[in-house]
C-alpha atoms as a PDB file:
ATOM      1  CA  MET A   1      49.897 127.901  49.974  1.00  0.00           C
ATOM      2  CA  SER A   2      47.403 130.688  50.675  1.00  0.00           C
ATOM      3  CA  LYS A   3      43.987 129.791  52.040  1.00  0.00           C
ATOM      4  CA  ASN A   4      40.899 130.847  50.146  1.00  0.00           C
ATOM      5  CA  ARG A   5      39.226 133.195  52.391  1.00  0.00           C
ATOM      6  CA  VAL A   6      35.524 133.044  52.050  1.00  0.00           C
ATOM      7  CA  GLY A   7      32.954 135.666  53.318  1.00  0.00           C
ATOM      8  CA  LEU A   8      29.113 135.479  53.529  1.00  0.00           C
ATOM      9  CA  TYR A   9      27.025 138.371  52.820  1.00  0.00           C
ATOM     10  CA  PRO A  10      23.380 137.367  53.882  1.00  0.00           C
ATOM     11  CA  GLY A  11      20.005 139.119  53.304  1.00  0.00           C
ATOM     12  CA  THR A  12      16.739 138.725  51.665  1.00  0.00           C
ATOM     13  CA  PHE A  13      17.585 141.088  48.841  1.00  0.00           C
ATOM     14  CA  ASP A  14      13.897 141.575  48.106  1.00  0.00           C
ATOM     15  CA  PRO A  15      14.828 143.488  46.009  1.00  0.00           C
ATOM     16  CA  ILE A  16      18.490 143.876  45.666  1.00  0.00           C
ATOM     17  CA  THR A  17      19.227 147.579  45.735  1.00  0.00           C
ATOM     18  CA  VAL A  18      22.346 149.854  44.706  1.00  0.00           C
ATOM     19  CA  GLY A  19      23.125 149.787  48.641  1.00  0.00           C
ATOM     20  CA  HIS A  20      23.516 146.174  48.601  1.00  0.00           C
ATOM     21  CA  TYR A  21      25.421 146.533  45.222  1.00  0.00           C
ATOM     22  CA  ASP A  22      27.764 148.911  47.028  1.00  0.00           C
ATOM     23  CA  ILE A  23      28.348 146.511  50.079  1.00  0.00           C
ATOM     24  CA  ILE A  24      28.962 143.578  47.729  1.00  0.00           C
ATOM     25  CA  ARG A  25      31.604 145.732  45.732  1.00  0.00           C
ATOM     26  CA  ARG A  26      33.283 146.573  48.851  1.00  0.00           C
ATOM     27  CA  ALA A  27      33.030 143.099  50.434  1.00  0.00           C
ATOM     28  CA  SER A  28      34.433 141.653  47.271  1.00  0.00           C
ATOM     29  CA  LYS A  29      37.843 143.281  48.251  1.00  0.00           C
ATOM     30  CA  LEU A  30      38.076 141.803  51.612  1.00  0.00           C
ATOM     31  CA  VAL A  31      37.679 138.081  50.587  1.00  0.00           C
ATOM     32  CA  ASP A  32      38.828 135.716  47.843  1.00  0.00           C
ATOM     33  CA  THR A  33      35.249 134.287  47.586  1.00  0.00           C
ATOM     34  CA  LEU A  34      32.048 136.007  48.452  1.00  0.00           C
ATOM     35  CA  VAL A  35      28.996 134.014  49.103  1.00  0.00           C
ATOM     36  CA  ILE A  36      25.952 135.943  48.939  1.00  0.00           C
ATOM     37  CA  GLY A  37      23.156 134.105  50.833  1.00  0.00           C
ATOM     38  CA  VAL A  38      19.685 134.859  49.711  1.00  0.00           C
ATOM     39  CA  ALA A  39      17.431 134.095  52.727  1.00  0.00           C
ATOM     40  CA  MET A  40      14.038 132.594  51.994  1.00  0.00           C
ATOM     41  CA  ASN A  41      12.356 134.190  55.105  1.00  0.00           C
ATOM     42  CA  PRO A  42       8.729 133.968  54.173  1.00  0.00           C
ATOM     43  CA  GLY A  43       7.626 135.964  57.132  1.00  0.00           C
ATOM     44  CA  LYS A  44       8.715 139.284  55.494  1.00  0.00           C
ATOM     45  CA  ASN A  45       6.220 138.629  52.618  1.00  0.00           C
ATOM     46  CA  PRO A  46       8.661 138.878  49.993  1.00  0.00           C
ATOM     47  CA  LEU A  47       7.625 140.424  46.542  1.00  0.00           C
ATOM     48  CA  PHE A  48       9.764 137.821  44.672  1.00  0.00           C
ATOM     49  CA  THR A  49      10.494 134.241  45.108  1.00  0.00           C
ATOM     50  CA  VAL A  50      13.663 133.025  46.342  1.00  0.00           C
ATOM     51  CA  GLU A  51      14.621 131.815  42.932  1.00  0.00           C
ATOM     52  CA  GLU A  52      13.716 135.273  41.309  1.00  0.00           C
ATOM     53  CA  ARG A  53      15.999 136.987  44.090  1.00  0.00           C
ATOM     54  CA  VAL A  54      18.842 134.660  43.385  1.00  0.00           C
ATOM     55  CA  GLU A  55      18.659 135.445  39.719  1.00  0.00           C
ATOM     56  CA  MET A  56      18.633 139.266  40.246  1.00  0.00           C
ATOM     57  CA  VAL A  57      21.724 138.993  42.684  1.00  0.00           C
ATOM     58  CA  GLU A  58      23.472 136.748  39.862  1.00  0.00           C
ATOM     59  CA  LYS A  59      22.779 139.145  37.382  1.00  0.00           C
ATOM     60  CA  MET A  60      24.132 142.300  39.517  1.00  0.00           C
ATOM     61  CA  THR A  61      27.449 140.165  40.289  1.00  0.00           C
ATOM     62  CA  GLU A  62      28.131 139.707  36.698  1.00  0.00           C
ATOM     63  CA  GLU A  63      29.464 143.270  36.590  1.00  0.00           C
ATOM     64  CA  PHE A  64      32.525 142.247  38.853  1.00  0.00           C
ATOM     65  CA  PRO A  65      34.879 140.508  36.456  1.00  0.00           C
ATOM     66  CA  GLY A  66      37.604 138.349  38.247  1.00  0.00           C
ATOM     67  CA  THR A  67      35.666 138.165  41.574  1.00  0.00           C
ATOM     68  CA  ASN A  68      34.651 134.847  42.687  1.00  0.00           C
ATOM     69  CA  PHE A  69      30.768 135.191  43.648  1.00  0.00           C
ATOM     70  CA  VAL A  70      28.566 132.366  44.659  1.00  0.00           C
ATOM     71  CA  VAL A  71      24.739 133.200  45.046  1.00  0.00           C
ATOM     72  CA  LYS A  72      22.896 130.630  47.052  1.00  0.00           C
ATOM     73  CA  PRO A  73      19.519 130.605  48.872  1.00  0.00           C
ATOM     74  CA  PHE A  74      19.279 129.326  52.310  1.00  0.00           C
ATOM     75  CA  ASN A  75      16.506 128.688  54.843  1.00  0.00           C
ATOM     76  CA  ASN A  76      18.516 127.613  57.854  1.00  0.00           C
ATOM     77  CA  LEU A  77      20.206 129.309  60.790  1.00  0.00           C
ATOM     78  CA  LEU A  78      22.866 131.909  59.647  1.00  0.00           C
ATOM     79  CA  MET A  79      25.690 130.332  61.549  1.00  0.00           C
ATOM     80  CA  HIS A  80      24.661 126.809  60.135  1.00  0.00           C
ATOM     81  CA  PHE A  81      24.676 128.308  56.545  1.00  0.00           C
ATOM     82  CA  ALA A  82      28.124 129.897  57.136  1.00  0.00           C
ATOM     83  CA  GLU A  83      29.527 126.653  58.226  1.00  0.00           C
ATOM     84  CA  GLN A  84      28.114 124.922  55.260  1.00  0.00           C
ATOM     85  CA  VAL A  85      29.730 127.363  52.890  1.00  0.00           C
ATOM     86  CA  GLY A  86      33.005 127.484  54.775  1.00  0.00           C
ATOM     87  CA  ALA A  87      32.794 131.004  55.710  1.00  0.00           C
ATOM     88  CA  ALA A  88      35.278 132.622  58.049  1.00  0.00           C
ATOM     89  CA  ILE A  89      33.639 135.996  57.790  1.00  0.00           C
ATOM     90  CA  ILE A  90      30.091 137.392  57.905  1.00  0.00           C
ATOM     91  CA  ILE A  91      29.581 140.699  56.275  1.00  0.00           C
ATOM     92  CA  ARG A  92      26.960 142.938  57.343  1.00  0.00           C
ATOM     93  CA  GLY A  93      25.780 146.347  56.036  1.00  0.00           C
ATOM     94  CA  LEU A  94      24.887 149.179  58.580  1.00  0.00           C
ATOM     95  CA  ARG A  95      22.946 152.216  57.555  1.00  0.00           C
ATOM     96  CA  ALA A  96      21.799 153.758  60.864  1.00  0.00           C
ATOM     97  CA  VAL A  97      22.198 153.314  64.550  1.00  0.00           C
ATOM     98  CA  SER A  98      19.042 151.260  64.617  1.00  0.00           C
ATOM     99  CA  ASP A  99      20.847 148.760  62.232  1.00  0.00           C
ATOM    100  CA  PHE A 100      23.714 148.697  64.832  1.00  0.00           C
ATOM    101  CA  GLU A 101      21.635 147.769  67.868  1.00  0.00           C
ATOM    102  CA  TYR A 102      20.022 144.808  66.023  1.00  0.00           C
ATOM    103  CA  GLU A 103      23.280 143.569  64.471  1.00  0.00           C
ATOM    104  CA  PHE A 104      25.096 143.846  67.860  1.00  0.00           C
ATOM    105  CA  GLN A 105      22.572 141.413  69.365  1.00  0.00           C
ATOM    106  CA  MET A 106      22.942 139.076  66.530  1.00  0.00           C
ATOM    107  CA  VAL A 107      26.721 139.084  66.710  1.00  0.00           C
ATOM    108  CA  GLY A 108      26.661 138.129  70.467  1.00  0.00           C
ATOM    109  CA  MET A 109      24.264 135.323  69.629  1.00  0.00           C
ATOM    110  CA  ASN A 110      26.316 134.127  66.537  1.00  0.00           C
ATOM    111  CA  ARG A 111      29.468 134.207  68.468  1.00  0.00           C
ATOM    112  CA  ARG A 112      27.946 131.747  71.063  1.00  0.00           C
ATOM    113  CA  LEU A 113      27.025 129.614  68.171  1.00  0.00           C
ATOM    114  CA  ASN A 114      30.297 129.480  66.573  1.00  0.00           C
ATOM    115  CA  SER A 115      33.156 131.759  67.969  1.00  0.00           C
ATOM    116  CA  GLU A 116      35.343 130.859  64.897  1.00  0.00           C
ATOM    117  CA  ILE A 117      33.260 133.085  62.468  1.00  0.00           C
ATOM    118  CA  GLU A 118      33.999 136.749  62.638  1.00  0.00           C
ATOM    119  CA  THR A 119      31.291 139.312  61.664  1.00  0.00           C
ATOM    120  CA  VAL A 120      32.717 142.427  59.765  1.00  0.00           C
ATOM    121  CA  PHE A 121      30.346 145.578  59.440  1.00  0.00           C
ATOM    122  CA  LEU A 122      30.743 147.854  56.512  1.00  0.00           C
ATOM    123  CA  MET A 123      28.936 151.163  56.933  1.00  0.00           C
ATOM    124  CA  ALA A 124      26.607 152.109  53.982  1.00  0.00           C
ATOM    125  CA  SER A 125      28.176 154.725  51.619  1.00  0.00           C
ATOM    126  CA  ASP A 126      26.622 158.163  52.553  1.00  0.00           C
ATOM    127  CA  GLN A 127      24.543 158.300  49.232  1.00  0.00           C
ATOM    128  CA  HIS A 128      22.967 154.861  50.174  1.00  0.00           C
ATOM    129  CA  GLN A 129      22.171 155.143  53.968  1.00  0.00           C
ATOM    130  CA  PHE A 130      18.707 155.741  53.450  1.00  0.00           C
ATOM    131  CA  ILE A 131      17.803 152.948  51.029  1.00  0.00           C
ATOM    132  CA  ALA A 132      15.788 149.954  52.261  1.00  0.00           C
ATOM    133  CA  SER A 133      14.428 147.323  50.093  1.00  0.00           C
ATOM    134  CA  SER A 134      10.972 147.743  52.146  1.00  0.00           C
ATOM    135  CA  LEU A 135      10.863 151.423  51.079  1.00  0.00           C
ATOM    136  CA  VAL A 136      11.894 150.534  47.398  1.00  0.00           C
ATOM    137  CA  LYS A 137       8.802 148.301  47.374  1.00  0.00           C
ATOM    138  CA  GLU A 138       6.449 150.865  48.888  1.00  0.00           C
ATOM    139  CA  ILE A 139       7.493 153.616  46.443  1.00  0.00           C
ATOM    140  CA  ALA A 140       6.886 151.216  43.569  1.00  0.00           C
ATOM    141  CA  LEU A 141       3.460 150.160  44.784  1.00  0.00           C
ATOM    142  CA  LEU A 142       2.590 153.753  45.134  1.00  0.00           C
ATOM    143  CA  ASP A 143       3.853 154.583  41.647  1.00  0.00           C
ATOM    144  CA  GLY A 144       7.102 156.231  42.451  1.00  0.00           C
ATOM    145  CA  ASP A 145      10.219 156.396  40.635  1.00  0.00           C
ATOM    146  CA  ILE A 146      12.624 153.705  41.987  1.00  0.00           C
ATOM    147  CA  THR A 147      15.283 153.902  39.246  1.00  0.00           C
ATOM    148  CA  LYS A 148      17.754 155.685  41.527  1.00  0.00           C
ATOM    149  CA  PHE A 149      17.708 152.910  44.082  1.00  0.00           C
ATOM    150  CA  VAL A 150      18.050 149.633  42.086  1.00  0.00           C
ATOM    151  CA  SER A 151      19.540 148.599  38.843  1.00  0.00           C
ATOM    152  CA  ALA A 152      17.557 148.994  35.537  1.00  0.00           C
ATOM    153  CA  ALA A 153      16.840 145.352  35.041  1.00  0.00           C
ATOM    154  CA  THR A 154      15.673 145.173  38.735  1.00  0.00           C
ATOM    155  CA  ALA A 155      13.341 148.108  38.351  1.00  0.00           C
ATOM    156  CA  LYS A 156      11.654 146.602  35.377  1.00  0.00           C
ATOM    157  CA  LYS A 157      11.183 143.340  37.388  1.00  0.00           C
ATOM    158  CA  ILE A 158       9.598 145.283  40.289  1.00  0.00           C
ATOM    159  CA  VAL A 159       7.298 147.354  37.886  1.00  0.00           C
ATOM    160  CA  GLU A 160       6.221 144.189  36.253  1.00  0.00           C
ATOM    161  CA  ARG A 161       5.573 142.532  39.494  1.00  0.00           C
ATOM    162  CA  VAL A 162       3.440 145.563  40.876  1.00  0.00           C
ATOM    163  CA  GLU A 163       1.366 145.388  37.530  1.00  0.00           C
ATOM    164  CA  LEU A 164       0.732 141.752  38.244  1.00  0.00           C
ATOM    165  CA  ILE A 165      -0.451 142.363  41.911  1.00  0.00           C
ATOM    166  CA  ARG A 166      -2.639 145.228  40.665  1.00  0.00           C
ATOM    167  CA  SER A 167      -4.203 143.120  37.839  1.00  0.00           C
ATOM    168  CA  LYS A 168      -4.883 140.403  40.314  1.00  0.00           C
ATOM    169  CA  LYS A 169      -6.708 142.847  42.727  1.00  0.00           C
ATOM    170  CA  THR A 170      -9.058 144.056  39.816  1.00  0.00           C
ATOM    171  CA  ASN A 171      -9.871 140.962  38.558  1.00  0.00           C
END
């Protein structure tokens, strides 16, 4: 019998971008089941609740018929979460050298916590290397066009949230 290879792609996904989508699409070819772990991480001042982010990721993964996706929120140590979901591989996207420096350190720590779980890096596609969720939010807050960086459904949610934030500030 073949073993079900489970991969974990963690992130805050606030919001999920076309860069994330690209990594998800490519990672889904490497594993039988891809768990997309949506980190709660309140320290990053998320624009969306974890429930909203899970919903956005689920909506985006509907476009991959035949791939086994599981979208789950988590608020614990990444390696503990990986163990909970049975992941053998953690998938991380890299955009730039600065990403590598941070991720290199994390891999070392994670290997000390559980040497059985491997980390695999996928380089961002050249057309997505500059996309960061934080920049997408900043562009939206400054009334810029974000439609090239996120799905149409996500762009709509971001615009609605920005309008809500602005209406609260004026009241």
